[in-house]
C-alpha cells in the first residue's frame, strides 16, 4: 500500500499508530466485549473485578475459541510494527497532555484516568500473554504436523 505521508503532520503520525496496530485494536476490542459477557454477565462496568467474576461457562468456551481463532490474525507484521512505532511518540504525547488537562481541569477525575490506564495496562498484558501462548501453540502444532 502506498500513500502520501507528511512527516510533519501530527494527525498523520497519530493515524499511523492506529493503522499499524489495527489488527491488535480489533482483536482487543472483540476479546474484551466477549470476555465481559463471558466473565461478568449482566454486571455494570463499575463492578467488574476479580471479586465479582461469575463465569457463564458456555460464553467462556466461546471466548476461548474466539480468542484462539482471532489470535492467528492479530499478530503484527514487521511493517505494521514499524508503522505503529512511527506514530507512538505522538500518541504518548497526546496521552500525557490529556492526563495534564484532566489534572488541571478536574483533579478528581485523575483517579478515574489512572484507573482507566491501569485497566488498559492489564488488558495489554493479557493480550501479550494470549499472543505469546498462541505463538507457542502454533509452533508446537507446526512441529507436530511436520513430523507426520
N, C-alpha and C. Protein backbone atom coordinates (compact mmCIF):
# COMPACT_ATOMS: atom_id res chain seq x y z
N UNK A 1 0.85 -1.16 0.00
CA UNK A 1 0.00 0.00 0.00
C UNK A 1 0.90 1.22 0.00
N UNK A 2 0.55 2.19 -0.77
CA UNK A 2 1.29 3.45 -0.79
C UNK A 2 0.33 4.59 -0.47
N UNK A 3 0.86 5.59 0.17
CA UNK A 3 0.06 6.76 0.48
C UNK A 3 0.99 7.96 0.63
N UNK A 4 0.41 9.12 0.54
CA UNK A 4 1.18 10.36 0.69
C UNK A 4 1.31 10.64 2.18
N UNK A 5 2.53 10.79 2.64
CA UNK A 5 2.77 10.97 4.07
C UNK A 5 3.56 12.24 4.30
N UNK A 6 3.03 13.10 5.16
CA UNK A 6 3.73 14.31 5.56
C UNK A 6 4.27 14.07 6.96
N UNK A 7 5.58 13.93 7.09
CA UNK A 7 6.16 13.57 8.38
C UNK A 7 5.99 14.66 9.44
N UNK A 8 5.58 15.86 9.03
CA UNK A 8 5.37 16.95 9.98
C UNK A 8 3.92 17.03 10.47
N UNK A 9 3.04 16.22 9.91
CA UNK A 9 1.63 16.24 10.30
C UNK A 9 1.42 15.33 11.51
N UNK A 10 1.01 15.94 12.62
CA UNK A 10 0.76 15.16 13.83
C UNK A 10 -0.42 14.20 13.64
N UNK A 11 -1.45 14.65 12.90
CA UNK A 11 -2.62 13.79 12.67
C UNK A 11 -2.24 12.55 11.88
N UNK A 12 -1.38 12.73 10.88
CA UNK A 12 -0.96 11.57 10.09
C UNK A 12 -0.11 10.62 10.93
N UNK A 13 0.73 11.16 11.78
CA UNK A 13 1.53 10.29 12.66
C UNK A 13 0.64 9.53 13.64
N UNK A 14 -0.36 10.21 14.19
CA UNK A 14 -1.30 9.54 15.09
C UNK A 14 -2.06 8.46 14.33
N UNK A 15 -2.43 8.76 13.09
CA UNK A 15 -3.11 7.77 12.25
C UNK A 15 -2.25 6.55 11.99
N UNK A 16 -0.94 6.76 11.85
CA UNK A 16 -0.03 5.63 11.66
C UNK A 16 -0.07 4.68 12.86
N UNK A 17 -0.13 5.26 14.05
CA UNK A 17 -0.18 4.44 15.26
C UNK A 17 -1.40 3.53 15.25
N UNK A 18 -2.55 4.10 14.92
CA UNK A 18 -3.78 3.30 14.92
C UNK A 18 -3.89 2.38 13.71
N UNK A 19 -3.41 2.83 12.55
CA UNK A 19 -3.47 1.99 11.35
C UNK A 19 -2.51 0.81 11.45
N UNK A 20 -1.31 1.05 11.95
CA UNK A 20 -0.34 -0.03 12.08
C UNK A 20 -0.77 -1.08 13.08
N UNK A 21 -1.45 -0.66 14.15
CA UNK A 21 -1.88 -1.60 15.17
C UNK A 21 -3.31 -2.08 15.01
N UNK A 22 -3.93 -1.81 13.87
CA UNK A 22 -5.34 -2.17 13.65
C UNK A 22 -5.67 -3.63 13.97
N UNK A 23 -4.81 -4.60 13.59
CA UNK A 23 -5.15 -5.98 13.96
C UNK A 23 -5.26 -6.17 15.48
N UNK A 24 -4.39 -5.51 16.22
CA UNK A 24 -4.42 -5.65 17.68
C UNK A 24 -5.61 -4.92 18.28
N UNK A 25 -5.91 -3.71 17.77
CA UNK A 25 -7.04 -2.96 18.33
C UNK A 25 -8.35 -3.72 18.10
N UNK A 26 -8.51 -4.29 16.92
CA UNK A 26 -9.73 -5.03 16.60
C UNK A 26 -9.82 -6.29 17.46
N UNK A 27 -8.72 -7.04 17.52
CA UNK A 27 -8.66 -8.25 18.33
C UNK A 27 -8.98 -7.92 19.79
N UNK A 28 -8.34 -6.88 20.31
CA UNK A 28 -8.55 -6.50 21.70
C UNK A 28 -9.99 -6.11 21.99
N UNK A 29 -10.60 -5.35 21.10
CA UNK A 29 -11.98 -4.93 21.31
C UNK A 29 -12.94 -6.13 21.34
N UNK A 30 -12.77 -7.04 20.40
CA UNK A 30 -13.65 -8.22 20.34
C UNK A 30 -13.45 -9.09 21.58
N UNK A 31 -12.19 -9.33 21.95
CA UNK A 31 -11.90 -10.17 23.11
C UNK A 31 -12.44 -9.53 24.39
N UNK A 32 -12.33 -8.21 24.50
CA UNK A 32 -12.85 -7.53 25.69
C UNK A 32 -14.37 -7.59 25.78
N UNK A 33 -15.04 -7.33 24.67
CA UNK A 33 -16.51 -7.32 24.70
C UNK A 33 -17.05 -8.72 25.01
N UNK A 34 -16.53 -9.73 24.35
CA UNK A 34 -16.99 -11.10 24.61
C UNK A 34 -16.53 -11.56 26.00
N UNK A 35 -15.33 -11.15 26.40
CA UNK A 35 -14.85 -11.50 27.74
C UNK A 35 -15.70 -10.89 28.83
N UNK A 36 -16.15 -9.67 28.64
CA UNK A 36 -17.04 -9.04 29.62
C UNK A 36 -18.33 -9.83 29.75
N UNK A 37 -18.87 -10.26 28.62
CA UNK A 37 -20.11 -11.06 28.63
C UNK A 37 -19.87 -12.44 29.23
N UNK A 38 -18.69 -13.00 29.01
CA UNK A 38 -18.39 -14.35 29.49
C UNK A 38 -18.12 -14.38 30.99
N UNK A 39 -17.39 -13.41 31.51
CA UNK A 39 -16.95 -13.47 32.90
C UNK A 39 -17.77 -12.60 33.85
N UNK A 40 -18.43 -11.57 33.33
CA UNK A 40 -19.25 -10.69 34.16
C UNK A 40 -20.59 -10.44 33.51
N UNK A 41 -21.39 -11.46 33.27
CA UNK A 41 -22.67 -11.26 32.59
C UNK A 41 -23.61 -10.40 33.43
N UNK A 42 -24.14 -9.37 32.79
CA UNK A 42 -25.11 -8.51 33.47
C UNK A 42 -24.52 -7.54 34.47
N UNK A 43 -23.22 -7.55 34.69
CA UNK A 43 -22.59 -6.64 35.65
C UNK A 43 -22.28 -5.31 34.98
N UNK A 44 -22.53 -4.19 35.65
CA UNK A 44 -22.09 -2.91 35.10
C UNK A 44 -20.56 -2.84 35.15
N UNK A 45 -19.99 -2.06 34.26
CA UNK A 45 -18.53 -1.95 34.19
C UNK A 45 -17.91 -1.50 35.50
N UNK A 46 -18.62 -0.71 36.27
CA UNK A 46 -18.08 -0.22 37.54
C UNK A 46 -17.85 -1.35 38.54
N UNK A 47 -18.55 -2.46 38.38
CA UNK A 47 -18.42 -3.58 39.32
C UNK A 47 -17.52 -4.70 38.82
N UNK A 48 -16.91 -4.53 37.66
CA UNK A 48 -16.04 -5.57 37.11
C UNK A 48 -14.78 -5.66 37.95
N UNK A 49 -14.48 -6.85 38.39
CA UNK A 49 -13.28 -7.11 39.19
C UNK A 49 -13.19 -8.60 39.50
N UNK A 50 -12.09 -9.00 40.10
CA UNK A 50 -11.91 -10.42 40.41
C UNK A 50 -12.98 -10.93 41.38
N UNK A 51 -13.39 -10.09 42.32
CA UNK A 51 -14.39 -10.49 43.30
C UNK A 51 -15.79 -10.63 42.75
N UNK A 52 -16.07 -10.01 41.63
CA UNK A 52 -17.41 -10.06 41.05
C UNK A 52 -17.51 -10.98 39.84
N UNK A 53 -16.46 -11.72 39.58
CA UNK A 53 -16.45 -12.61 38.41
C UNK A 53 -17.45 -13.75 38.61
N UNK A 54 -18.34 -13.92 37.63
CA UNK A 54 -19.32 -15.02 37.63
C UNK A 54 -19.33 -15.64 36.24
N UNK A 55 -18.39 -16.54 35.94
CA UNK A 55 -18.27 -17.06 34.59
C UNK A 55 -19.54 -17.77 34.11
N UNK A 56 -19.94 -17.43 32.90
CA UNK A 56 -21.01 -18.14 32.19
C UNK A 56 -20.28 -19.11 31.27
N UNK A 57 -20.17 -20.36 31.65
CA UNK A 57 -19.25 -21.31 31.02
C UNK A 57 -19.44 -21.49 29.52
N UNK A 58 -20.64 -21.52 28.98
CA UNK A 58 -20.74 -21.59 27.51
C UNK A 58 -20.09 -20.37 26.83
N UNK A 59 -20.27 -19.19 27.45
CA UNK A 59 -19.65 -17.98 26.90
C UNK A 59 -18.14 -18.00 27.09
N UNK A 60 -17.67 -18.56 28.20
CA UNK A 60 -16.22 -18.68 28.42
C UNK A 60 -15.61 -19.57 27.34
N UNK A 61 -16.29 -20.67 27.02
CA UNK A 61 -15.82 -21.54 25.94
C UNK A 61 -15.79 -20.82 24.60
N UNK A 62 -16.84 -20.03 24.33
CA UNK A 62 -16.88 -19.25 23.09
C UNK A 62 -15.78 -18.21 23.08
N UNK A 63 -15.54 -17.59 24.24
CA UNK A 63 -14.47 -16.59 24.34
C UNK A 63 -13.10 -17.22 24.07
N UNK A 64 -12.87 -18.39 24.65
CA UNK A 64 -11.59 -19.08 24.42
C UNK A 64 -11.41 -19.45 22.94
N UNK A 65 -12.45 -19.99 22.34
CA UNK A 65 -12.38 -20.37 20.93
C UNK A 65 -12.17 -19.15 20.04
N UNK A 66 -12.93 -18.09 20.30
CA UNK A 66 -12.79 -16.86 19.52
C UNK A 66 -11.39 -16.25 19.69
N UNK A 67 -10.89 -16.26 20.91
CA UNK A 67 -9.54 -15.74 21.17
C UNK A 67 -8.51 -16.55 20.40
N UNK A 68 -8.67 -17.85 20.42
CA UNK A 68 -7.74 -18.73 19.69
C UNK A 68 -7.79 -18.43 18.19
N UNK A 69 -8.98 -18.36 17.63
CA UNK A 69 -9.11 -18.15 16.19
C UNK A 69 -8.64 -16.76 15.76
N UNK A 70 -8.99 -15.74 16.53
CA UNK A 70 -8.61 -14.38 16.15
C UNK A 70 -7.13 -14.10 16.37
N UNK A 71 -6.52 -14.80 17.30
CA UNK A 71 -5.12 -14.51 17.61
C UNK A 71 -4.19 -14.83 16.45
N UNK A 72 -4.60 -15.72 15.55
CA UNK A 72 -3.76 -16.02 14.40
C UNK A 72 -3.63 -14.81 13.48
N UNK A 73 -4.67 -14.00 13.40
CA UNK A 73 -4.62 -12.83 12.53
C UNK A 73 -4.26 -11.55 13.26
N UNK A 74 -4.08 -11.63 14.58
CA UNK A 74 -3.83 -10.42 15.36
C UNK A 74 -2.36 -10.11 15.53
N UNK A 75 -1.50 -10.89 14.95
CA UNK A 75 -0.08 -10.59 15.10
C UNK A 75 0.31 -9.53 14.08
N UNK A 76 1.22 -8.68 14.49
CA UNK A 76 1.66 -7.60 13.62
C UNK A 76 2.83 -8.05 12.76
N UNK A 77 2.80 -7.66 11.51
CA UNK A 77 3.96 -7.89 10.65
C UNK A 77 5.02 -6.88 11.05
N UNK A 78 6.22 -7.08 10.56
CA UNK A 78 7.28 -6.12 10.89
C UNK A 78 6.96 -4.74 10.32
N UNK A 79 6.31 -4.69 9.15
CA UNK A 79 5.92 -3.40 8.57
C UNK A 79 4.85 -2.73 9.42
N UNK A 80 3.87 -3.50 9.92
CA UNK A 80 2.85 -2.94 10.81
C UNK A 80 3.49 -2.38 12.08
N UNK A 81 4.42 -3.13 12.64
CA UNK A 81 5.08 -2.69 13.86
C UNK A 81 5.88 -1.41 13.63
N UNK A 82 6.60 -1.34 12.53
CA UNK A 82 7.35 -0.11 12.21
C UNK A 82 6.41 1.07 12.03
N UNK A 83 5.30 0.84 11.33
CA UNK A 83 4.31 1.90 11.12
C UNK A 83 3.75 2.37 12.45
N UNK A 84 3.42 1.43 13.29
CA UNK A 84 2.86 1.77 14.60
C UNK A 84 3.86 2.55 15.44
N UNK A 85 5.11 2.15 15.41
CA UNK A 85 6.14 2.82 16.20
C UNK A 85 6.40 4.25 15.71
N UNK A 86 6.17 4.51 14.43
CA UNK A 86 6.34 5.87 13.92
C UNK A 86 5.30 6.81 14.52
N UNK A 87 4.14 6.28 14.87
CA UNK A 87 3.09 7.10 15.45
C UNK A 87 3.05 7.08 16.97
N UNK A 88 3.81 6.18 17.59
CA UNK A 88 3.78 6.04 19.05
C UNK A 88 4.18 7.32 19.80
N UNK A 89 5.23 8.04 19.38
CA UNK A 89 5.56 9.26 20.14
C UNK A 89 4.42 10.28 20.19
N UNK A 90 3.72 10.47 19.09
CA UNK A 90 2.60 11.42 19.07
C UNK A 90 1.49 10.93 20.00
N UNK A 91 1.20 9.62 19.95
CA UNK A 91 0.17 9.07 20.83
C UNK A 91 0.56 9.24 22.30
N UNK A 92 1.82 9.00 22.64
CA UNK A 92 2.28 9.14 24.02
C UNK A 92 2.17 10.60 24.49
N UNK A 93 2.56 11.53 23.64
CA UNK A 93 2.47 12.96 23.99
C UNK A 93 1.01 13.36 24.19
N UNK A 94 0.12 12.88 23.31
CA UNK A 94 -1.30 13.21 23.47
C UNK A 94 -1.87 12.60 24.75
N UNK A 95 -1.44 11.40 25.10
CA UNK A 95 -1.89 10.77 26.34
C UNK A 95 -1.43 11.58 27.55
N UNK A 96 -0.17 12.01 27.54
CA UNK A 96 0.35 12.83 28.65
C UNK A 96 -0.36 14.19 28.71
N UNK A 97 -0.62 14.78 27.55
CA UNK A 97 -1.33 16.06 27.52
C UNK A 97 -2.74 15.89 28.07
N UNK A 98 -3.41 14.79 27.72
CA UNK A 98 -4.76 14.54 28.23
C UNK A 98 -4.73 14.36 29.75
N UNK A 99 -3.72 13.67 30.27
CA UNK A 99 -3.60 13.50 31.72
C UNK A 99 -3.37 14.84 32.40
N UNK A 100 -2.52 15.68 31.80
CA UNK A 100 -2.30 17.01 32.36
C UNK A 100 -3.55 17.86 32.34
N UNK A 101 -4.30 17.77 31.26
CA UNK A 101 -5.55 18.52 31.15
C UNK A 101 -6.57 18.05 32.18
N UNK A 102 -6.67 16.75 32.36
CA UNK A 102 -7.59 16.21 33.38
C UNK A 102 -7.17 16.70 34.76
N UNK A 103 -5.88 16.69 35.02
CA UNK A 103 -5.39 17.14 36.34
C UNK A 103 -5.67 18.63 36.56
N UNK A 104 -5.56 19.40 35.50
CA UNK A 104 -5.77 20.84 35.59
C UNK A 104 -7.25 21.18 35.72
N UNK A 105 -8.08 20.57 34.89
CA UNK A 105 -9.50 20.92 34.82
C UNK A 105 -10.33 20.21 35.89
N UNK A 106 -10.10 18.93 36.07
CA UNK A 106 -10.91 18.14 37.01
C UNK A 106 -10.00 17.20 37.79
N UNK A 107 -9.33 17.72 38.82
CA UNK A 107 -8.39 16.88 39.58
C UNK A 107 -9.02 15.60 40.14
N UNK A 108 -10.30 15.64 40.47
CA UNK A 108 -10.97 14.44 40.98
C UNK A 108 -11.07 13.37 39.89
N UNK A 109 -11.09 13.80 38.64
CA UNK A 109 -11.16 12.85 37.52
C UNK A 109 -9.86 12.12 37.28
N UNK A 110 -8.78 12.59 37.93
CA UNK A 110 -7.48 11.94 37.74
C UNK A 110 -7.51 10.50 38.25
N UNK A 111 -8.27 10.24 39.30
CA UNK A 111 -8.38 8.88 39.81
C UNK A 111 -9.01 7.96 38.76
N UNK A 112 -10.05 8.46 38.09
CA UNK A 112 -10.67 7.70 37.01
C UNK A 112 -9.69 7.50 35.87
N UNK A 113 -8.94 8.55 35.54
CA UNK A 113 -7.93 8.47 34.47
C UNK A 113 -6.89 7.40 34.80
N UNK A 114 -6.40 7.40 36.03
CA UNK A 114 -5.41 6.40 36.44
C UNK A 114 -6.03 5.01 36.39
N UNK A 115 -7.26 4.87 36.85
CA UNK A 115 -7.93 3.56 36.82
C UNK A 115 -8.08 3.04 35.39
N UNK A 116 -8.45 3.93 34.47
CA UNK A 116 -8.57 3.52 33.06
C UNK A 116 -7.23 3.09 32.49
N UNK A 117 -6.17 3.79 32.85
CA UNK A 117 -4.85 3.43 32.35
C UNK A 117 -4.34 2.13 32.96
N UNK A 118 -4.65 1.88 34.22
CA UNK A 118 -4.30 0.61 34.84
C UNK A 118 -5.06 -0.52 34.16
N UNK A 119 -6.35 -0.31 33.90
CA UNK A 119 -7.15 -1.31 33.18
C UNK A 119 -6.57 -1.56 31.80
N UNK A 120 -6.21 -0.49 31.09
CA UNK A 120 -5.60 -0.65 29.76
C UNK A 120 -4.29 -1.42 29.85
N UNK A 121 -3.51 -1.19 30.90
CA UNK A 121 -2.28 -1.94 31.09
C UNK A 121 -2.53 -3.42 31.31
N UNK A 122 -3.52 -3.73 32.13
CA UNK A 122 -3.88 -5.14 32.36
C UNK A 122 -4.36 -5.81 31.07
N UNK A 123 -5.17 -5.08 30.32
CA UNK A 123 -5.67 -5.62 29.05
C UNK A 123 -4.51 -5.86 28.08
N UNK A 124 -3.59 -4.90 28.00
CA UNK A 124 -2.42 -5.06 27.13
C UNK A 124 -1.60 -6.26 27.56
N UNK A 125 -1.42 -6.41 28.87
CA UNK A 125 -0.68 -7.58 29.38
C UNK A 125 -1.38 -8.88 29.04
N UNK A 126 -2.69 -8.91 29.19
CA UNK A 126 -3.46 -10.10 28.83
C UNK A 126 -3.31 -10.43 27.36
N UNK A 127 -3.39 -9.40 26.51
CA UNK A 127 -3.25 -9.63 25.07
C UNK A 127 -1.85 -10.13 24.72
N UNK A 128 -0.84 -9.63 25.41
CA UNK A 128 0.53 -10.11 25.18
C UNK A 128 0.63 -11.58 25.58
N UNK A 129 0.06 -11.93 26.73
CA UNK A 129 0.09 -13.34 27.18
C UNK A 129 -0.64 -14.25 26.20
N UNK A 130 -1.79 -13.81 25.73
CA UNK A 130 -2.54 -14.61 24.75
C UNK A 130 -1.72 -14.77 23.47
N UNK A 131 -1.12 -13.66 23.01
CA UNK A 131 -0.31 -13.73 21.78
C UNK A 131 0.89 -14.66 21.96
N UNK A 132 1.56 -14.58 23.10
CA UNK A 132 2.70 -15.47 23.35
C UNK A 132 2.24 -16.93 23.44
N UNK A 133 1.13 -17.15 24.12
CA UNK A 133 0.59 -18.51 24.21
C UNK A 133 0.23 -19.07 22.84
N UNK A 134 -0.38 -18.24 22.02
CA UNK A 134 -0.74 -18.69 20.68
C UNK A 134 0.50 -18.94 19.83
N UNK A 135 1.53 -18.15 20.03
CA UNK A 135 2.78 -18.34 19.31
C UNK A 135 3.38 -19.70 19.67
N UNK A 136 3.43 -20.00 20.96
CA UNK A 136 3.96 -21.29 21.41
C UNK A 136 3.10 -22.42 20.86
N UNK A 137 1.78 -22.27 20.96
CA UNK A 137 0.87 -23.30 20.46
C UNK A 137 1.03 -23.53 18.96
N UNK A 138 1.15 -22.45 18.20
CA UNK A 138 1.31 -22.61 16.74
C UNK A 138 2.64 -23.28 16.40
N UNK A 139 3.70 -22.98 17.15
CA UNK A 139 4.98 -23.65 16.90
C UNK A 139 4.90 -25.14 17.23
N UNK A 140 4.20 -25.46 18.31
CA UNK A 140 4.03 -26.88 18.67
C UNK A 140 3.23 -27.61 17.60
N UNK A 141 2.15 -27.00 17.13
CA UNK A 141 1.34 -27.62 16.09
C UNK A 141 2.15 -27.76 14.80
N UNK A 142 2.93 -26.75 14.45
CA UNK A 142 3.76 -26.80 13.26
C UNK A 142 4.80 -27.93 13.35
N UNK A 143 5.44 -28.05 14.49
CA UNK A 143 6.43 -29.13 14.67
C UNK A 143 5.75 -30.49 14.61
N UNK A 144 4.60 -30.61 15.26
CA UNK A 144 3.88 -31.88 15.25
C UNK A 144 3.46 -32.24 13.84
N UNK A 145 2.95 -31.25 13.08
CA UNK A 145 2.50 -31.55 11.72
C UNK A 145 3.66 -31.84 10.77
N UNK A 146 4.83 -31.28 11.02
CA UNK A 146 5.97 -31.55 10.15
C UNK A 146 6.56 -32.95 10.42
N UNK A 147 6.28 -33.52 11.58
CA UNK A 147 6.79 -34.85 11.89
C UNK A 147 5.88 -35.95 11.32
N UNK A 148 4.68 -35.59 10.97
CA UNK A 148 3.73 -36.60 10.45
C UNK A 148 4.03 -36.91 9.01
